[in-house]
Amino acid sequence: MAYRLEEVQDSDFLYMVPRMLEAFGNGYEFTNTLYPGHETKAGQSKIVSRLVAVKNAIRNTHWVKAVATASGEIARFAMWTILDKEKPPELDLDGPMGTRPNEEGKEYCRAMHRVVMAERRRVIRDNDLPILILNMMTVFTEHQRQGVGTLLLRQSLQTADDLHALCTVDATPVGKKLYLRGGFVVQRDFYVDAGEKYADRPKDTHVVHGPTGIRERLNNKSLCFFMQRVLRRDFDFRLTTLLQPS
């Protein structure tokens, strides 16, 4: 199936959010905490509002969708952030009033968010700009295993290459194979655990792989040889696979 890439519009979120949540499923406690009430229309409406607000508030965040050429259906979307001028402050997660049921729920979400963000923040602190952060990439269920994920990954990698930027992503096992094929290297595996204070809460049993890097890690002598091999593989991969029709 053929796809084309377009910029995400505000009106697209009404279509994308329910399908994004369907693709995520209910197996990740962090997803359930980050998007409370996501199984209801009211909860999904709040998520739409939040994502539209993020899209329009942050200048260096890019939203791209893959659209099926024949049907015009949105098959997948991705969102990445380019840090090119300054490094952002390390802030706790927040949101509009009513986003989460109570203060305890908000603090629990913040605790999990700190765990997820810890390695990413370390990478930002320890490396020079520019840095491209691949924040979100979702293929809707009916379009999975048709090459659309590769198409969107290609776009984000090309952006990173054009900027000579380090590229980082946190991935679950579902997306790990795609990112490895794209030249990423797993730096650390971890579970999202909010700590002893929330020991009675459900636990995520899925490992998270990340963050991973493509460019500019050649400057790190301890990773030089391995990263050279990865970079060469990444170049060949994008020439032989990504440029072929889906």
Protein backbone atom coordinates (compact mmCIF):
# COMPACT_ATOMS: atom_id res chain seq x y z
CA MET A 1 0.00 0.00 0.00
CA ALA A 2 1.28 3.48 -0.87
CA TYR A 3 1.38 6.33 1.64
CA ARG A 4 2.19 10.01 1.58
CA LEU A 5 3.47 12.17 4.43
CA GLU A 6 1.65 15.32 5.52
CA GLU A 7 1.69 17.71 8.46
CA VAL A 8 -0.80 16.86 11.20
CA GLN A 9 -3.69 19.34 11.49
CA ASP A 10 -5.58 20.13 14.71
CA SER A 11 -8.72 18.49 13.34
CA ASP A 12 -6.85 15.20 12.80
CA PHE A 13 -6.61 14.48 16.52
CA LEU A 14 -10.31 13.61 16.73
CA TYR A 15 -9.59 10.73 14.35
CA MET A 16 -6.10 9.84 15.59
CA VAL A 17 -6.52 9.72 19.37
CA PRO A 18 -8.99 6.78 19.61
CA ARG A 19 -6.90 4.78 17.14
CA MET A 20 -3.67 5.68 18.93
CA LEU A 21 -5.13 4.39 22.21
CA GLU A 22 -6.37 1.22 20.52
CA ALA A 23 -2.86 0.59 19.20
CA PHE A 24 -1.36 1.20 22.65
CA GLY A 25 -3.79 -1.20 24.32
CA ASN A 26 -4.26 -1.39 28.10
CA GLY A 27 -1.08 -3.30 28.91
CA TYR A 28 1.05 -0.35 29.98
CA GLU A 29 0.45 1.16 33.39
CA PHE A 30 2.27 4.34 32.36
CA THR A 31 -0.10 4.80 29.40
CA ASN A 32 -3.11 4.23 31.63
CA THR A 33 -1.76 6.79 34.11
CA LEU A 34 -0.72 9.35 31.53
CA TYR A 35 -4.10 9.17 29.77
CA PRO A 36 -6.70 8.58 32.53
CA GLY A 37 -10.15 7.63 31.31
CA HIS A 38 -8.81 6.93 27.83
CA GLU A 39 -11.38 4.20 27.29
CA THR A 40 -14.24 6.73 27.47
CA LYS A 41 -15.30 9.43 25.00
CA ALA A 42 -14.95 12.09 27.71
CA GLY A 43 -11.41 10.95 28.49
CA GLN A 44 -10.50 10.88 24.83
CA SER A 45 -11.86 14.39 24.37
CA LYS A 46 -9.49 15.63 27.11
CA ILE A 47 -6.57 13.87 25.44
CA VAL A 48 -7.43 15.52 22.12
CA SER A 49 -7.42 18.92 23.80
CA ARG A 50 -4.10 18.25 25.51
CA LEU A 51 -2.35 17.10 22.34
CA VAL A 52 -3.69 20.01 20.30
CA ALA A 53 -2.43 22.38 22.99
CA VAL A 54 1.03 20.75 22.94
CA LYS A 55 1.16 20.90 19.15
CA ASN A 56 0.40 24.61 19.07
CA ALA A 57 2.44 25.66 22.11
CA ILE A 58 5.87 24.17 21.40
CA ARG A 59 7.61 25.65 18.38
CA ASN A 60 10.26 22.96 17.95
CA THR A 61 7.87 19.98 17.96
CA HIS A 62 6.93 18.46 14.61
CA TRP A 63 3.86 16.30 13.95
CA VAL A 64 3.76 14.20 10.76
CA LYS A 65 1.10 11.78 9.55
CA ALA A 66 1.21 9.01 6.97
CA VAL A 67 -1.91 8.98 4.78
CA ALA A 68 -2.98 6.04 2.60
CA THR A 69 -2.90 7.37 -0.96
CA ALA A 70 -5.86 5.33 -2.18
CA SER A 71 -8.29 5.88 0.71
CA GLY A 72 -7.06 9.10 2.33
CA GLU A 73 -7.08 7.39 5.74
CA ILE A 74 -4.49 8.38 8.31
CA ALA A 75 -2.44 5.26 8.99
CA ARG A 76 0.15 6.50 11.44
CA PHE A 77 1.56 9.61 13.01
CA ALA A 78 4.81 10.60 14.63
CA MET A 79 5.95 13.49 16.78
CA TRP A 80 9.53 14.57 17.35
CA THR A 81 11.21 17.50 19.06
CA ILE A 82 14.31 19.26 17.77
CA LEU A 83 16.56 20.87 20.38
CA ASP A 84 18.80 23.19 18.40
CA LYS A 85 19.06 26.49 20.27
CA GLU A 86 18.86 25.70 23.99
CA LYS A 87 18.26 22.83 26.37
CA PRO A 88 14.84 22.78 28.05
CA PRO A 89 14.32 23.01 31.82
CA GLU A 90 13.63 19.69 33.54
CA LEU A 91 10.05 20.26 34.64
CA ASP A 92 7.55 17.93 36.27
CA LEU A 93 4.66 16.78 34.14
CA ASP A 94 1.59 18.97 34.50
CA GLY A 95 -1.64 19.63 32.66
CA PRO A 96 -4.94 21.52 32.68
CA MET A 97 -7.18 21.25 35.73
CA GLY A 98 -9.30 18.10 35.59
CA THR A 99 -6.77 16.16 33.52
CA ARG A 100 -6.32 13.68 36.37
CA PRO A 101 -8.87 12.68 38.99
CA ASN A 102 -7.04 14.07 42.04
CA GLU A 103 -3.71 15.32 43.38
CA GLU A 104 -2.62 11.81 44.36
CA GLY A 105 -3.20 10.64 40.80
CA LYS A 106 -1.26 13.61 39.45
CA GLU A 107 1.71 12.95 41.75
CA TYR A 108 1.71 9.25 40.81
CA CYS A 109 1.82 10.17 37.14
CA ARG A 110 4.64 12.62 37.81
CA ALA A 111 6.64 9.94 39.63
CA MET A 112 6.31 7.55 36.68
CA HIS A 113 7.13 10.34 34.23
CA ARG A 114 10.38 11.09 36.10
CA VAL A 115 11.44 7.45 35.66
CA VAL A 116 10.66 7.51 31.94
CA MET A 117 12.45 10.82 31.44
CA ALA A 118 15.56 10.13 33.56
CA GLU A 119 17.77 8.69 30.83
CA ARG A 120 16.52 11.09 28.17
CA ARG A 121 17.36 14.03 30.42
CA ARG A 122 20.81 12.60 31.05
CA VAL A 123 21.42 12.39 27.30
CA ILE A 124 20.34 16.00 26.86
CA ARG A 125 22.58 17.16 29.71
CA ASP A 126 25.63 15.21 28.53
CA ASN A 127 25.54 15.95 24.79
CA ASP A 128 25.85 19.00 22.59
CA LEU A 129 22.96 20.29 20.51
CA PRO A 130 21.33 19.64 18.15
CA ILE A 131 19.41 16.67 19.50
CA LEU A 132 16.30 15.14 17.93
CA ILE A 133 13.93 13.36 20.34
CA LEU A 134 11.49 10.94 18.77
CA ASN A 135 8.67 11.32 21.29
CA MET A 136 5.84 9.33 19.77
CA MET A 137 5.26 7.03 16.81
CA THR A 138 2.05 5.03 16.44
CA VAL A 139 0.75 2.80 13.64
CA PHE A 140 -3.01 2.28 13.75
CA THR A 141 -4.04 -1.35 14.04
CA GLU A 142 -5.48 -1.81 10.54
CA HIS A 143 -2.30 -0.47 8.90
CA GLN A 144 0.32 -2.40 10.85
CA ARG A 145 2.96 -4.51 9.05
CA GLN A 146 2.61 -2.59 5.79
CA GLY A 147 5.77 -0.50 5.86
CA VAL A 148 4.25 2.74 7.06
CA GLY A 149 6.32 2.74 10.25
CA THR A 150 9.49 2.58 8.17
CA LEU A 151 8.30 5.53 6.10
CA LEU A 152 7.81 7.76 9.14
CA LEU A 153 11.05 6.63 10.74
CA ARG A 154 12.84 7.50 7.53
CA GLN A 155 11.48 11.05 7.71
CA SER A 156 12.63 11.57 11.29
CA LEU A 157 16.08 10.10 10.58
CA GLN A 158 16.49 12.27 7.51
CA THR A 159 15.68 15.32 9.63
CA ALA A 160 18.30 14.25 12.19
CA ASP A 161 20.87 13.61 9.47
CA ASP A 162 20.26 16.99 7.85
CA LEU A 163 20.89 18.67 11.21
CA HIS A 164 23.84 16.38 12.11
CA ALA A 165 21.87 15.72 15.27
CA LEU A 166 22.04 12.99 17.85
CA CYS A 167 18.72 11.13 17.77
CA THR A 168 17.15 9.49 20.82
CA VAL A 169 14.02 7.45 21.48
CA ASP A 170 12.52 5.34 24.27
CA ALA A 171 10.95 2.17 22.88
CA THR A 172 8.87 -0.75 24.11
CA PRO A 173 9.58 -4.27 22.78
CA VAL A 174 6.90 -3.76 20.09
CA GLY A 175 8.92 -1.00 18.41
CA LYS A 176 12.42 -2.22 19.24
CA LYS A 177 13.00 -4.16 16.00
CA LEU A 178 12.09 -1.19 13.80
CA TYR A 179 14.46 1.13 15.65
CA LEU A 180 17.32 -1.37 15.57
CA ARG A 181 16.89 -1.69 11.81
CA GLY A 182 17.07 2.08 11.60
CA GLY A 183 20.51 2.14 13.23
CA PHE A 184 19.61 2.79 16.88
CA VAL A 185 21.63 1.24 19.70
CA VAL A 186 20.04 0.27 23.01
CA GLN A 187 21.77 2.15 25.83
CA ARG A 188 19.75 0.81 28.76
CA ASP A 189 16.74 -1.38 29.52
CA PHE A 190 14.45 -0.37 32.36
CA TYR A 191 11.02 -0.92 33.85
CA VAL A 192 8.72 2.00 34.67
CA ASP A 193 8.44 1.77 38.46
CA ALA A 194 7.31 4.76 40.52
CA GLY A 195 9.01 3.47 43.68
CA GLU A 196 8.11 2.09 47.10
CA LYS A 197 5.56 4.82 47.84
CA TYR A 198 3.37 3.33 45.11
CA ALA A 199 4.15 -0.34 45.75
CA ASP A 200 0.44 -1.20 45.83
CA ARG A 201 -0.12 0.15 42.32
CA PRO A 202 -0.10 -2.06 39.19
CA LYS A 203 3.37 -2.62 37.77
CA ASP A 204 4.50 -2.33 34.19
CA THR A 205 5.98 -5.69 33.29
CA HIS A 206 7.21 -4.50 29.89
CA VAL A 207 10.82 -3.46 29.57
CA VAL A 208 11.57 -0.09 27.98
CA HIS A 209 14.59 0.19 25.69
CA GLY A 210 16.33 3.51 25.52
CA PRO A 211 17.49 5.99 24.93
CA THR A 212 19.25 5.20 21.69
CA GLY A 213 21.53 7.26 19.48
CA ILE A 214 22.49 7.57 15.82
CA ARG A 215 24.66 10.59 15.10
CA GLU A 216 27.51 12.28 16.93
CA ARG A 217 28.14 9.36 19.31
CA LEU A 218 31.20 8.73 17.16
CA ASN A 219 32.81 11.35 19.40
CA ASN A 220 32.49 8.95 22.32
CA LYS A 221 35.68 6.88 22.16
CA SER A 222 34.24 3.95 24.12
CA LEU A 223 31.48 3.52 21.53
CA CYS A 224 33.41 4.52 18.43
CA PHE A 225 33.90 1.16 16.72
CA PHE A 226 30.41 -0.14 17.40
CA MET A 227 28.79 3.12 16.35
CA GLN A 228 30.75 3.21 13.11
CA ARG A 229 29.29 -0.16 12.21
CA VAL A 230 25.80 1.00 13.17
CA LEU A 231 26.12 4.20 11.15
CA ARG A 232 27.25 2.31 8.07
CA ARG A 233 24.38 -0.14 8.45
CA ASP A 234 21.95 2.75 8.92
CA PHE A 235 23.16 4.38 5.70
CA ASP A 236 22.85 1.16 3.69
CA PHE A 237 19.45 0.40 5.22
CA ARG A 238 17.98 3.73 4.21
CA LEU A 239 19.33 3.44 0.67
CA THR A 240 18.21 -0.11 0.00
CA THR A 241 14.99 -0.35 2.00
CA LEU A 242 13.51 3.00 2.91
CA LEU A 243 13.71 4.43 -0.59
CA GLN A 244 11.79 1.48 -2.06
CA PRO A 245 8.01 1.82 -2.57
CA SER A 246 5.98 0.53 0.36
